[in-house]
Amino acid sequence: MATDKMIQVTLTKSPIGASPAQKKVVQALGLRKMNQTVELIDSPVTRGAINKVSHLLTVTE
């Protein structure tokens, strides 16, 4: 799996006012705190989750 592309996802806005479904997506991505960054494998599943809450995140390739 070392050859898979990785992306960095940072939580830049609070999910407090978001819908419960969007809060669960943020949690599923592994993000808990503001300005927390996680590295995820770049896959269609991950991209779909990021698209659901793109207004709360910053993505770096």
PDB file of N, CA and C in Angstrom:
ATOM      1  N   MET A   1       0.796  -1.189   0.000  1.00  0.00           N
ATOM      2  CA  MET A   1       0.000   0.000   0.000  1.00  0.00           C
ATOM      3  C   MET A   1       0.848   1.266   0.000  1.00  0.00           C
ATOM      4  N   ALA A   2       2.146   1.130  -0.062  1.00  0.00           N
ATOM      5  CA  ALA A   2       3.014   2.290  -0.044  1.00  0.00           C
ATOM      6  C   ALA A   2       2.920   3.071  -1.355  1.00  0.00           C
ATOM      7  N   THR A   3       2.405   2.448  -2.422  1.00  0.00           N
ATOM      8  CA  THR A   3       2.316   3.127  -3.708  1.00  0.00           C
ATOM      9  C   THR A   3       1.024   3.921  -3.857  1.00  0.00           C
ATOM     10  N   ASP A   4       0.073   3.781  -2.915  1.00  0.00           N
ATOM     11  CA  ASP A   4      -1.189   4.526  -2.987  1.00  0.00           C
ATOM     12  C   ASP A   4      -0.954   6.003  -2.731  1.00  0.00           C
ATOM     13  N   LYS A   5      -1.700   6.841  -3.462  1.00  0.00           N
ATOM     14  CA  LYS A   5      -1.613   8.273  -3.239  1.00  0.00           C
ATOM     15  C   LYS A   5      -2.305   8.617  -1.922  1.00  0.00           C
ATOM     16  N   MET A   6      -1.721   9.564  -1.212  1.00  0.00           N
ATOM     17  CA  MET A   6      -2.289  10.002   0.054  1.00  0.00           C
ATOM     18  C   MET A   6      -2.733  11.458  -0.096  1.00  0.00           C
ATOM     19  N   ILE A   7      -3.777  11.818   0.627  1.00  0.00           N
ATOM     20  CA  ILE A   7      -4.226  13.196   0.667  1.00  0.00           C
ATOM     21  C   ILE A   7      -4.328  13.628   2.127  1.00  0.00           C
ATOM     22  N   GLN A   8      -4.082  14.907   2.364  1.00  0.00           N
ATOM     23  CA  GLN A   8      -4.208  15.455   3.706  1.00  0.00           C
ATOM     24  C   GLN A   8      -5.509  16.229   3.791  1.00  0.00           C
ATOM     25  N   VAL A   9      -6.284  15.931   4.836  1.00  0.00           N
ATOM     26  CA  VAL A   9      -7.571  16.577   5.038  1.00  0.00           C
ATOM     27  C   VAL A   9      -7.533  17.308   6.370  1.00  0.00           C
ATOM     28  N   THR A  10      -7.884  18.595   6.353  1.00  0.00           N
ATOM     29  CA  THR A  10      -7.871  19.417   7.553  1.00  0.00           C
ATOM     30  C   THR A  10      -9.275  19.956   7.815  1.00  0.00           C
ATOM     31  N   LEU A  11      -9.721  19.857   9.054  1.00  0.00           N
ATOM     32  CA  LEU A  11     -11.018  20.404   9.458  1.00  0.00           C
ATOM     33  C   LEU A  11     -10.840  21.886   9.737  1.00  0.00           C
ATOM     34  N   THR A  12     -11.380  22.751   8.858  1.00  0.00           N
ATOM     35  CA  THR A  12     -11.163  24.186   8.987  1.00  0.00           C
ATOM     36  C   THR A  12     -12.382  24.938   9.511  1.00  0.00           C
ATOM     37  N   LYS A  13     -13.562  24.342   9.450  1.00  0.00           N
ATOM     38  CA  LYS A  13     -14.762  24.963  10.002  1.00  0.00           C
ATOM     39  C   LYS A  13     -15.429  23.989  10.950  1.00  0.00           C
ATOM     40  N   SER A  14     -16.102  24.518  11.935  1.00  0.00           N
ATOM     41  CA  SER A  14     -16.749  23.691  12.945  1.00  0.00           C
ATOM     42  C   SER A  14     -18.010  23.022  12.388  1.00  0.00           C
ATOM     43  N   PRO A  15     -18.210  21.740  12.712  1.00  0.00           N
ATOM     44  CA  PRO A  15     -19.429  21.057  12.273  1.00  0.00           C
ATOM     45  C   PRO A  15     -20.598  21.252  13.246  1.00  0.00           C
ATOM     46  N   ILE A  16     -20.516  22.225  14.161  1.00  0.00           N
ATOM     47  CA  ILE A  16     -21.557  22.407  15.170  1.00  0.00           C
ATOM     48  C   ILE A  16     -22.919  22.673  14.521  1.00  0.00           C
ATOM     49  N   GLY A  17     -22.987  23.526  13.520  1.00  0.00           N
ATOM     50  CA  GLY A  17     -24.268  23.839  12.891  1.00  0.00           C
ATOM     51  C   GLY A  17     -24.644  22.901  11.766  1.00  0.00           C
ATOM     52  N   ALA A  18     -23.817  21.909  11.499  1.00  0.00           N
ATOM     53  CA  ALA A  18     -24.066  20.984  10.385  1.00  0.00           C
ATOM     54  C   ALA A  18     -25.127  19.958  10.775  1.00  0.00           C
ATOM     55  N   SER A  19     -25.650  19.268   9.774  1.00  0.00           N
ATOM     56  CA  SER A  19     -26.647  18.227  10.028  1.00  0.00           C
ATOM     57  C   SER A  19     -25.979  17.035  10.718  1.00  0.00           C
ATOM     58  N   PRO A  20     -26.756  16.208  11.397  1.00  0.00           N
ATOM     59  CA  PRO A  20     -26.179  15.041  12.063  1.00  0.00           C
ATOM     60  C   PRO A  20     -25.439  14.097  11.101  1.00  0.00           C
ATOM     61  N   ALA A  21     -25.927  13.980   9.874  1.00  0.00           N
ATOM     62  CA  ALA A  21     -25.260  13.120   8.889  1.00  0.00           C
ATOM     63  C   ALA A  21     -23.883  13.674   8.545  1.00  0.00           C
ATOM     64  N   GLN A  22     -23.784  14.992   8.406  1.00  0.00           N
ATOM     65  CA  GLN A  22     -22.496  15.602   8.091  1.00  0.00           C
ATOM     66  C   GLN A  22     -21.531  15.473   9.263  1.00  0.00           C
ATOM     67  N   LYS A  23     -22.031  15.556  10.477  1.00  0.00           N
ATOM     68  CA  LYS A  23     -21.175  15.376  11.656  1.00  0.00           C
ATOM     69  C   LYS A  23     -20.595  13.967  11.677  1.00  0.00           C
ATOM     70  N   LYS A  24     -21.397  12.979  11.295  1.00  0.00           N
ATOM     71  CA  LYS A  24     -20.929  11.598  11.269  1.00  0.00           C
ATOM     72  C   LYS A  24     -19.881  11.385  10.185  1.00  0.00           C
ATOM     73  N   VAL A  25     -20.021  12.071   9.050  1.00  0.00           N
ATOM     74  CA  VAL A  25     -19.026  11.957   7.979  1.00  0.00           C
ATOM     75  C   VAL A  25     -17.695  12.526   8.444  1.00  0.00           C
ATOM     76  N   VAL A  26     -17.734  13.680   9.122  1.00  0.00           N
ATOM     77  CA  VAL A  26     -16.504  14.290   9.643  1.00  0.00           C
ATOM     78  C   VAL A  26     -15.842  13.340  10.633  1.00  0.00           C
ATOM     79  N   GLN A  27     -16.640  12.740  11.494  1.00  0.00           N
ATOM     80  CA  GLN A  27     -16.107  11.795  12.481  1.00  0.00           C
ATOM     81  C   GLN A  27     -15.545  10.553  11.791  1.00  0.00           C
ATOM     82  N   ALA A  28     -16.191  10.076  10.748  1.00  0.00           N
ATOM     83  CA  ALA A  28     -15.724   8.898  10.024  1.00  0.00           C
ATOM     84  C   ALA A  28     -14.412   9.156   9.305  1.00  0.00           C
ATOM     85  N   LEU A  29     -14.169  10.399   8.932  1.00  0.00           N
ATOM     86  CA  LEU A  29     -12.893  10.748   8.303  1.00  0.00           C
ATOM     87  C   LEU A  29     -11.760  10.801   9.327  1.00  0.00           C
ATOM     88  N   GLY A  30     -12.100  10.715  10.610  1.00  0.00           N
ATOM     89  CA  GLY A  30     -11.086  10.706  11.652  1.00  0.00           C
ATOM     90  C   GLY A  30     -10.774  12.080  12.199  1.00  0.00           C
ATOM     91  N   LEU A  31     -11.666  13.026  11.957  1.00  0.00           N
ATOM     92  CA  LEU A  31     -11.438  14.399  12.406  1.00  0.00           C
ATOM     93  C   LEU A  31     -12.286  14.687  13.636  1.00  0.00           C
ATOM     94  N   ARG A  32     -11.654  15.208  14.681  1.00  0.00           N
ATOM     95  CA  ARG A  32     -12.375  15.522  15.902  1.00  0.00           C
ATOM     96  C   ARG A  32     -12.270  16.985  16.302  1.00  0.00           C
ATOM     97  N   LYS A  33     -11.098  17.570  16.120  1.00  0.00           N
ATOM     98  CA  LYS A  33     -10.856  18.933  16.578  1.00  0.00           C
ATOM     99  C   LYS A  33     -10.620  19.868  15.391  1.00  0.00           C
ATOM    100  N   MET A  34     -10.845  21.131  15.632  1.00  0.00           N
ATOM    101  CA  MET A  34     -10.581  22.149  14.616  1.00  0.00           C
ATOM    102  C   MET A  34      -9.091  22.160  14.279  1.00  0.00           C
ATOM    103  N   ASN A  35      -8.776  22.377  13.019  1.00  0.00           N
ATOM    104  CA  ASN A  35      -7.409  22.430  12.495  1.00  0.00           C
ATOM    105  C   ASN A  35      -6.649  21.115  12.647  1.00  0.00           C
ATOM    106  N   GLN A  36      -7.339  20.031  12.905  1.00  0.00           N
ATOM    107  CA  GLN A  36      -6.706  18.715  12.937  1.00  0.00           C
ATOM    108  C   GLN A  36      -6.539  18.227  11.497  1.00  0.00           C
ATOM    109  N   THR A  37      -5.382  17.627  11.220  1.00  0.00           N
ATOM    110  CA  THR A  37      -5.092  17.118   9.882  1.00  0.00           C
ATOM    111  C   THR A  37      -4.881  15.616   9.952  1.00  0.00           C
ATOM    112  N   VAL A  38      -5.487  14.896   9.002  1.00  0.00           N
ATOM    113  CA  VAL A  38      -5.285  13.458   8.890  1.00  0.00           C
ATOM    114  C   VAL A  38      -4.852  13.137   7.468  1.00  0.00           C
ATOM    115  N   GLU A  39      -4.082  12.069   7.309  1.00  0.00           N
ATOM    116  CA  GLU A  39      -3.686  11.586   5.985  1.00  0.00           C
ATOM    117  C   GLU A  39      -4.534  10.379   5.646  1.00  0.00           C
ATOM    118  N   LEU A  40      -5.178  10.438   4.491  1.00  0.00           N
ATOM    119  CA  LEU A  40      -6.056   9.363   4.053  1.00  0.00           C
ATOM    120  C   LEU A  40      -5.632   8.881   2.672  1.00  0.00           C
ATOM    121  N   ILE A  41      -5.945   7.625   2.374  1.00  0.00           N
ATOM    122  CA  ILE A  41      -5.678   7.081   1.049  1.00  0.00           C
ATOM    123  C   ILE A  41      -6.659   7.703   0.061  1.00  0.00           C
ATOM    124  N   ASP A  42      -6.152   8.130  -1.080  1.00  0.00           N
ATOM    125  CA  ASP A  42      -6.975   8.768  -2.105  1.00  0.00           C
ATOM    126  C   ASP A  42      -7.741   7.691  -2.868  1.00  0.00           C
ATOM    127  N   SER A  43      -8.995   7.477  -2.472  1.00  0.00           N
ATOM    128  CA  SER A  43      -9.841   6.482  -3.126  1.00  0.00           C
ATOM    129  C   SER A  43     -11.195   7.118  -3.429  1.00  0.00           C
ATOM    130  N   PRO A  44     -11.989   6.505  -4.286  1.00  0.00           N
ATOM    131  CA  PRO A  44     -13.311   7.064  -4.582  1.00  0.00           C
ATOM    132  C   PRO A  44     -14.202   7.166  -3.344  1.00  0.00           C
ATOM    133  N   VAL A  45     -14.062   6.240  -2.409  1.00  0.00           N
ATOM    134  CA  VAL A  45     -14.859   6.273  -1.178  1.00  0.00           C
ATOM    135  C   VAL A  45     -14.487   7.496  -0.344  1.00  0.00           C
ATOM    136  N   THR A  46     -13.194   7.726  -0.207  1.00  0.00           N
ATOM    137  CA  THR A  46     -12.723   8.882   0.557  1.00  0.00           C
ATOM    138  C   THR A  46     -13.129  10.182  -0.125  1.00  0.00           C
ATOM    139  N   ARG A  47     -12.993  10.243  -1.444  1.00  0.00           N
ATOM    140  CA  ARG A  47     -13.369  11.448  -2.180  1.00  0.00           C
ATOM    141  C   ARG A  47     -14.866  11.742  -2.043  1.00  0.00           C
ATOM    142  N   GLY A  48     -15.687  10.702  -2.026  1.00  0.00           N
ATOM    143  CA  GLY A  48     -17.128  10.897  -1.854  1.00  0.00           C
ATOM    144  C   GLY A  48     -17.461  11.469  -0.489  1.00  0.00           C
ATOM    145  N   ALA A  49     -16.787  10.974   0.552  1.00  0.00           N
ATOM    146  CA  ALA A  49     -17.017  11.492   1.900  1.00  0.00           C
ATOM    147  C   ALA A  49     -16.555  12.940   1.993  1.00  0.00           C
ATOM    148  N   ILE A  50     -15.430  13.250   1.357  1.00  0.00           N
ATOM    149  CA  ILE A  50     -14.918  14.620   1.377  1.00  0.00           C
ATOM    150  C   ILE A  50     -15.881  15.554   0.649  1.00  0.00           C
ATOM    151  N   ASN A  51     -16.476  15.094  -0.454  1.00  0.00           N
ATOM    152  CA  ASN A  51     -17.419  15.934  -1.198  1.00  0.00           C
ATOM    153  C   ASN A  51     -18.674  16.248  -0.392  1.00  0.00           C
ATOM    154  N   LYS A  52     -19.072  15.355   0.518  1.00  0.00           N
ATOM    155  CA  LYS A  52     -20.257  15.584   1.350  1.00  0.00           C
ATOM    156  C   LYS A  52     -20.073  16.760   2.297  1.00  0.00           C
ATOM    157  N   VAL A  53     -18.847  16.951   2.777  1.00  0.00           N
ATOM    158  CA  VAL A  53     -18.572  18.005   3.765  1.00  0.00           C
ATOM    159  C   VAL A  53     -17.449  18.919   3.301  1.00  0.00           C
ATOM    160  N   SER A  54     -17.355  19.152   2.009  1.00  0.00           N
ATOM    161  CA  SER A  54     -16.257  19.937   1.458  1.00  0.00           C
ATOM    162  C   SER A  54     -16.223  21.365   1.978  1.00  0.00           C
ATOM    163  N   HIS A  55     -17.386  21.887   2.393  1.00  0.00           N
ATOM    164  CA  HIS A  55     -17.440  23.257   2.916  1.00  0.00           C
ATOM    165  C   HIS A  55     -16.812  23.372   4.301  1.00  0.00           C
ATOM    166  N   LEU A  56     -16.518  22.257   4.947  1.00  0.00           N
ATOM    167  CA  LEU A  56     -15.903  22.264   6.279  1.00  0.00           C
ATOM    168  C   LEU A  56     -14.426  21.910   6.242  1.00  0.00           C
ATOM    169  N   LEU A  57     -13.933  21.462   5.086  1.00  0.00           N
ATOM    170  CA  LEU A  57     -12.581  20.893   4.998  1.00  0.00           C
ATOM    171  C   LEU A  57     -11.680  21.668   4.053  1.00  0.00           C
ATOM    172  N   THR A  58     -10.379  21.432   4.240  1.00  0.00           N
ATOM    173  CA  THR A  58      -9.359  21.849   3.279  1.00  0.00           C
ATOM    174  C   THR A  58      -8.601  20.589   2.897  1.00  0.00           C
ATOM    175  N   VAL A  59      -8.456  20.345   1.597  1.00  0.00           N
ATOM    176  CA  VAL A  59      -7.803  19.133   1.111  1.00  0.00           C
ATOM    177  C   VAL A  59      -6.504  19.503   0.411  1.00  0.00           C
ATOM    178  N   THR A  60      -5.421  18.795   0.766  1.00  0.00           N
ATOM    179  CA  THR A  60      -4.123  18.993   0.143  1.00  0.00           C
ATOM    180  C   THR A  60      -3.689  17.674  -0.480  1.00  0.00           C
ATOM    181  N   GLU A  61      -3.311  17.719  -1.738  1.00  0.00           N
ATOM    182  CA  GLU A  61      -2.879  16.499  -2.445  1.00  0.00           C
ATOM    183  C   GLU A  61      -1.534  16.025  -1.952  1.00  0.00           C
TER     184      GLU A  61
END
